[in-house]
Amino acid sequence: MSSPGAAGSIRLDKLLWYLRFARSRAIAQAMVAAGHIRLDGRRVTRASAAVHAGATLVLPIGERIEVIRLLTLPLRRGPAPEAQACYTRLDPVAPAAS
């Protein structure tokens, strides 16, 4: 079996688990199935969707929306600093101050 980086892509549910956006792979699959995740602007409902380095993801995390750009594919579910090194957060448009 080859590593995710060797193939050039990784399953979306596995990516969410590796990057620590989900506590388990089953939770990651449920997040995707709910239809609230966007991959490069497209709504994704298949946990098996392939994700490549350079992709932009929009994720609902609690009460906020996270927009991230994937810099590199993670090779494993490691510690949080290792996971955070694989992506960069993109700032969504800030709401106007009242």
N, C-alpha and C. Protein backbone atom coordinates (compact mmCIF):
# COMPACT_ATOMS: atom_id res chain seq x y z
N MET A 1 0.85 -1.19 0.00
CA MET A 1 0.00 0.00 0.00
C MET A 1 0.88 1.23 0.00
N SER A 2 0.58 2.19 -0.83
CA SER A 2 1.40 3.39 -0.91
C SER A 2 0.94 4.44 0.10
N SER A 3 1.84 5.35 0.41
CA SER A 3 1.49 6.42 1.34
C SER A 3 0.64 7.46 0.63
N PRO A 4 -0.14 8.27 1.37
CA PRO A 4 -1.00 9.26 0.73
C PRO A 4 -0.22 10.25 -0.13
N GLY A 5 0.96 10.64 0.32
CA GLY A 5 1.75 11.62 -0.42
C GLY A 5 2.25 11.07 -1.75
N ALA A 6 2.50 9.75 -1.81
CA ALA A 6 3.00 9.14 -3.03
C ALA A 6 1.94 9.15 -4.13
N ALA A 7 0.68 9.02 -3.76
CA ALA A 7 -0.40 8.99 -4.73
C ALA A 7 -0.76 10.38 -5.24
N GLY A 8 -0.40 11.42 -4.51
CA GLY A 8 -0.72 12.78 -4.92
C GLY A 8 -2.09 13.24 -4.47
N SER A 9 -2.85 12.37 -3.83
CA SER A 9 -4.15 12.75 -3.30
C SER A 9 -4.46 11.89 -2.08
N ILE A 10 -5.48 12.32 -1.35
CA ILE A 10 -5.92 11.61 -0.15
C ILE A 10 -7.44 11.75 -0.05
N ARG A 11 -8.10 10.76 0.53
CA ARG A 11 -9.55 10.84 0.74
C ARG A 11 -9.87 12.00 1.66
N LEU A 12 -10.99 12.65 1.42
CA LEU A 12 -11.40 13.80 2.22
C LEU A 12 -11.61 13.44 3.68
N ASP A 13 -12.27 12.31 3.96
CA ASP A 13 -12.51 11.94 5.36
C ASP A 13 -11.20 11.67 6.09
N LYS A 14 -10.27 11.02 5.42
CA LYS A 14 -8.98 10.74 6.04
C LYS A 14 -8.21 12.04 6.27
N LEU A 15 -8.29 12.98 5.34
CA LEU A 15 -7.62 14.27 5.49
C LEU A 15 -8.15 15.02 6.71
N LEU A 16 -9.47 15.07 6.86
CA LEU A 16 -10.05 15.77 8.00
C LEU A 16 -9.62 15.15 9.32
N TRP A 17 -9.49 13.84 9.33
CA TRP A 17 -9.04 13.14 10.54
C TRP A 17 -7.55 13.39 10.78
N TYR A 18 -6.73 13.29 9.74
CA TYR A 18 -5.29 13.53 9.87
C TYR A 18 -5.02 14.96 10.34
N LEU A 19 -5.78 15.93 9.83
CA LEU A 19 -5.54 17.34 10.17
C LEU A 19 -6.23 17.74 11.48
N ARG A 20 -6.86 16.79 12.14
CA ARG A 20 -7.48 16.99 13.45
C ARG A 20 -8.69 17.92 13.43
N PHE A 21 -9.40 17.94 12.31
CA PHE A 21 -10.68 18.66 12.26
C PHE A 21 -11.81 17.75 12.73
N ALA A 22 -11.52 16.44 12.83
CA ALA A 22 -12.49 15.46 13.33
C ALA A 22 -11.77 14.52 14.29
N ARG A 23 -12.46 14.12 15.35
CA ARG A 23 -11.85 13.23 16.35
C ARG A 23 -11.71 11.80 15.87
N SER A 24 -12.55 11.40 14.92
CA SER A 24 -12.46 10.04 14.39
C SER A 24 -12.80 10.10 12.90
N ARG A 25 -12.47 9.03 12.22
CA ARG A 25 -12.76 8.98 10.80
C ARG A 25 -14.26 8.89 10.56
N ALA A 26 -14.99 8.23 11.44
CA ALA A 26 -16.45 8.14 11.32
C ALA A 26 -17.08 9.53 11.44
N ILE A 27 -16.57 10.33 12.35
CA ILE A 27 -17.08 11.71 12.49
C ILE A 27 -16.76 12.51 11.24
N ALA A 28 -15.57 12.31 10.68
CA ALA A 28 -15.19 13.00 9.45
C ALA A 28 -16.13 12.61 8.31
N GLN A 29 -16.47 11.32 8.22
CA GLN A 29 -17.40 10.87 7.18
C GLN A 29 -18.77 11.50 7.35
N ALA A 30 -19.22 11.65 8.59
CA ALA A 30 -20.52 12.28 8.85
C ALA A 30 -20.48 13.77 8.49
N MET A 31 -19.35 14.43 8.77
CA MET A 31 -19.21 15.84 8.41
C MET A 31 -19.36 16.02 6.90
N VAL A 32 -18.72 15.15 6.15
CA VAL A 32 -18.79 15.24 4.69
C VAL A 32 -20.19 14.92 4.20
N ALA A 33 -20.80 13.88 4.74
CA ALA A 33 -22.14 13.46 4.32
C ALA A 33 -23.18 14.53 4.59
N ALA A 34 -22.96 15.37 5.60
CA ALA A 34 -23.91 16.45 5.91
C ALA A 34 -23.96 17.49 4.80
N GLY A 35 -22.93 17.54 3.95
CA GLY A 35 -22.96 18.43 2.79
C GLY A 35 -22.56 19.87 3.05
N HIS A 36 -21.91 20.13 4.17
CA HIS A 36 -21.53 21.50 4.49
C HIS A 36 -20.08 21.82 4.15
N ILE A 37 -19.35 20.88 3.57
CA ILE A 37 -17.95 21.08 3.24
C ILE A 37 -17.83 21.40 1.76
N ARG A 38 -16.99 22.38 1.46
CA ARG A 38 -16.74 22.75 0.07
C ARG A 38 -15.27 22.51 -0.25
N LEU A 39 -15.03 21.92 -1.41
CA LEU A 39 -13.68 21.64 -1.89
C LEU A 39 -13.52 22.41 -3.19
N ASP A 40 -12.63 23.40 -3.17
CA ASP A 40 -12.40 24.26 -4.33
C ASP A 40 -13.71 24.85 -4.86
N GLY A 41 -14.58 25.27 -3.94
CA GLY A 41 -15.82 25.93 -4.30
C GLY A 41 -16.99 25.02 -4.58
N ARG A 42 -16.77 23.70 -4.63
CA ARG A 42 -17.85 22.75 -4.91
C ARG A 42 -18.27 22.06 -3.62
N ARG A 43 -19.57 21.91 -3.43
CA ARG A 43 -20.09 21.16 -2.29
C ARG A 43 -19.73 19.69 -2.47
N VAL A 44 -19.23 19.08 -1.41
CA VAL A 44 -18.81 17.68 -1.47
C VAL A 44 -19.64 16.86 -0.49
N THR A 45 -20.17 15.72 -0.95
CA THR A 45 -20.95 14.85 -0.08
C THR A 45 -20.39 13.43 -0.06
N ARG A 46 -19.30 13.19 -0.78
CA ARG A 46 -18.66 11.87 -0.81
C ARG A 46 -17.38 11.90 0.02
N ALA A 47 -17.29 11.07 1.03
CA ALA A 47 -16.11 11.01 1.88
C ALA A 47 -14.89 10.53 1.10
N SER A 48 -15.11 9.86 -0.01
CA SER A 48 -14.01 9.34 -0.81
C SER A 48 -13.47 10.34 -1.82
N ALA A 49 -13.97 11.57 -1.81
CA ALA A 49 -13.50 12.58 -2.76
C ALA A 49 -12.00 12.79 -2.58
N ALA A 50 -11.28 12.84 -3.69
CA ALA A 50 -9.82 13.01 -3.65
C ALA A 50 -9.46 14.48 -3.44
N VAL A 51 -8.52 14.71 -2.54
CA VAL A 51 -8.04 16.05 -2.24
C VAL A 51 -6.55 16.09 -2.55
N HIS A 52 -6.12 17.14 -3.25
CA HIS A 52 -4.73 17.32 -3.64
C HIS A 52 -4.13 18.51 -2.91
N ALA A 53 -2.82 18.56 -2.83
CA ALA A 53 -2.14 19.73 -2.27
C ALA A 53 -2.53 20.94 -3.11
N GLY A 54 -2.74 22.08 -2.46
CA GLY A 54 -3.16 23.30 -3.15
C GLY A 54 -4.66 23.51 -3.14
N ALA A 55 -5.42 22.52 -2.69
CA ALA A 55 -6.88 22.63 -2.65
C ALA A 55 -7.31 23.59 -1.54
N THR A 56 -8.45 24.22 -1.75
CA THR A 56 -9.05 25.11 -0.75
C THR A 56 -10.29 24.42 -0.18
N LEU A 57 -10.36 24.37 1.15
CA LEU A 57 -11.48 23.74 1.83
C LEU A 57 -12.21 24.76 2.69
N VAL A 58 -13.53 24.69 2.70
CA VAL A 58 -14.37 25.50 3.58
C VAL A 58 -15.06 24.52 4.51
N LEU A 59 -14.80 24.68 5.82
CA LEU A 59 -15.28 23.73 6.81
C LEU A 59 -16.06 24.43 7.91
N PRO A 60 -17.23 23.91 8.29
CA PRO A 60 -17.91 24.43 9.47
C PRO A 60 -17.30 23.78 10.71
N ILE A 61 -16.75 24.58 11.59
CA ILE A 61 -16.15 24.09 12.83
C ILE A 61 -16.86 24.80 13.98
N GLY A 62 -17.76 24.10 14.63
CA GLY A 62 -18.53 24.71 15.71
C GLY A 62 -19.38 25.84 15.17
N GLU A 63 -19.22 27.02 15.75
CA GLU A 63 -20.00 28.20 15.35
C GLU A 63 -19.30 29.03 14.27
N ARG A 64 -18.12 28.63 13.84
CA ARG A 64 -17.38 29.43 12.87
C ARG A 64 -17.11 28.63 11.59
N ILE A 65 -16.69 29.33 10.58
CA ILE A 65 -16.34 28.73 9.31
C ILE A 65 -14.83 28.86 9.13
N GLU A 66 -14.16 27.76 8.86
CA GLU A 66 -12.73 27.76 8.60
C GLU A 66 -12.49 27.64 7.10
N VAL A 67 -11.65 28.49 6.56
CA VAL A 67 -11.24 28.40 5.17
C VAL A 67 -9.74 28.12 5.19
N ILE A 68 -9.36 26.98 4.62
CA ILE A 68 -7.95 26.59 4.65
C ILE A 68 -7.47 26.26 3.24
N ARG A 69 -6.18 26.46 3.02
CA ARG A 69 -5.53 26.02 1.78
C ARG A 69 -4.54 24.94 2.18
N LEU A 70 -4.63 23.81 1.54
CA LEU A 70 -3.77 22.67 1.84
C LEU A 70 -2.41 22.88 1.18
N LEU A 71 -1.36 22.96 1.99
CA LEU A 71 -0.01 23.18 1.48
C LEU A 71 0.64 21.86 1.06
N THR A 72 0.46 20.85 1.87
CA THR A 72 1.03 19.54 1.60
C THR A 72 0.13 18.47 2.20
N LEU A 73 0.23 17.28 1.69
CA LEU A 73 -0.59 16.18 2.20
C LEU A 73 0.06 15.60 3.45
N PRO A 74 -0.72 15.40 4.51
CA PRO A 74 -0.17 14.77 5.71
C PRO A 74 0.08 13.28 5.45
N LEU A 75 1.11 12.75 6.08
CA LEU A 75 1.43 11.34 5.92
C LEU A 75 0.83 10.49 7.02
N ARG A 76 0.41 11.15 8.12
CA ARG A 76 -0.14 10.42 9.25
C ARG A 76 -0.94 11.37 10.11
N ARG A 77 -1.64 10.84 11.10
CA ARG A 77 -2.31 11.67 12.09
C ARG A 77 -1.32 11.86 13.22
N GLY A 78 -0.58 12.93 13.15
CA GLY A 78 0.45 13.22 14.14
C GLY A 78 -0.02 14.26 15.13
N PRO A 79 0.93 14.84 15.86
CA PRO A 79 0.57 15.89 16.82
C PRO A 79 0.03 17.13 16.11
N ALA A 80 -0.68 17.96 16.86
CA ALA A 80 -1.33 19.14 16.29
C ALA A 80 -0.37 20.05 15.51
N PRO A 81 0.83 20.36 16.03
CA PRO A 81 1.73 21.23 15.25
C PRO A 81 2.10 20.63 13.89
N GLU A 82 2.25 19.32 13.84
CA GLU A 82 2.55 18.66 12.56
C GLU A 82 1.37 18.80 11.60
N ALA A 83 0.17 18.64 12.11
CA ALA A 83 -1.03 18.76 11.29
C ALA A 83 -1.20 20.20 10.79
N GLN A 84 -0.97 21.17 11.66
CA GLN A 84 -1.15 22.58 11.30
C GLN A 84 -0.12 23.04 10.28
N ALA A 85 1.02 22.37 10.19
CA ALA A 85 2.04 22.73 9.21
C ALA A 85 1.62 22.34 7.79
N CYS A 86 0.60 21.51 7.65
CA CYS A 86 0.15 21.05 6.34
C CYS A 86 -0.82 22.01 5.65
N TYR A 87 -1.32 23.00 6.37
CA TYR A 87 -2.29 23.92 5.77
C TYR A 87 -2.09 25.32 6.32
N THR A 88 -2.68 26.28 5.61
CA THR A 88 -2.69 27.65 6.08
C THR A 88 -4.14 28.12 6.13
N ARG A 89 -4.46 28.89 7.14
CA ARG A 89 -5.82 29.44 7.26
C ARG A 89 -5.94 30.68 6.40
N LEU A 90 -7.01 30.75 5.67
CA LEU A 90 -7.32 31.94 4.87
C LEU A 90 -8.39 32.71 5.61
N ASP A 91 -8.20 34.00 5.78
CA ASP A 91 -9.16 34.80 6.54
C ASP A 91 -10.39 35.04 5.69
N PRO A 92 -11.56 34.62 6.21
CA PRO A 92 -12.79 34.95 5.50
C PRO A 92 -13.06 36.45 5.64
N VAL A 93 -13.94 36.94 4.84
CA VAL A 93 -14.29 38.37 4.90
C VAL A 93 -14.85 38.67 6.29
N ALA A 94 -14.22 39.59 6.98
CA ALA A 94 -14.64 39.94 8.33
C ALA A 94 -15.94 40.75 8.27
N PRO A 95 -16.88 40.50 9.21
CA PRO A 95 -18.11 41.28 9.22
C PRO A 95 -17.81 42.73 9.59
N ALA A 96 -18.61 43.63 9.08
CA ALA A 96 -18.41 45.05 9.35
C ALA A 96 -18.67 45.35 10.81
N ALA A 97 -17.82 46.18 11.38
CA ALA A 97 -17.98 46.55 12.81
C ALA A 97 -19.17 47.50 12.95
N SER A 98 -19.97 47.31 13.99
CA SER A 98 -21.13 48.20 14.18
C SER A 98 -20.85 49.19 15.24
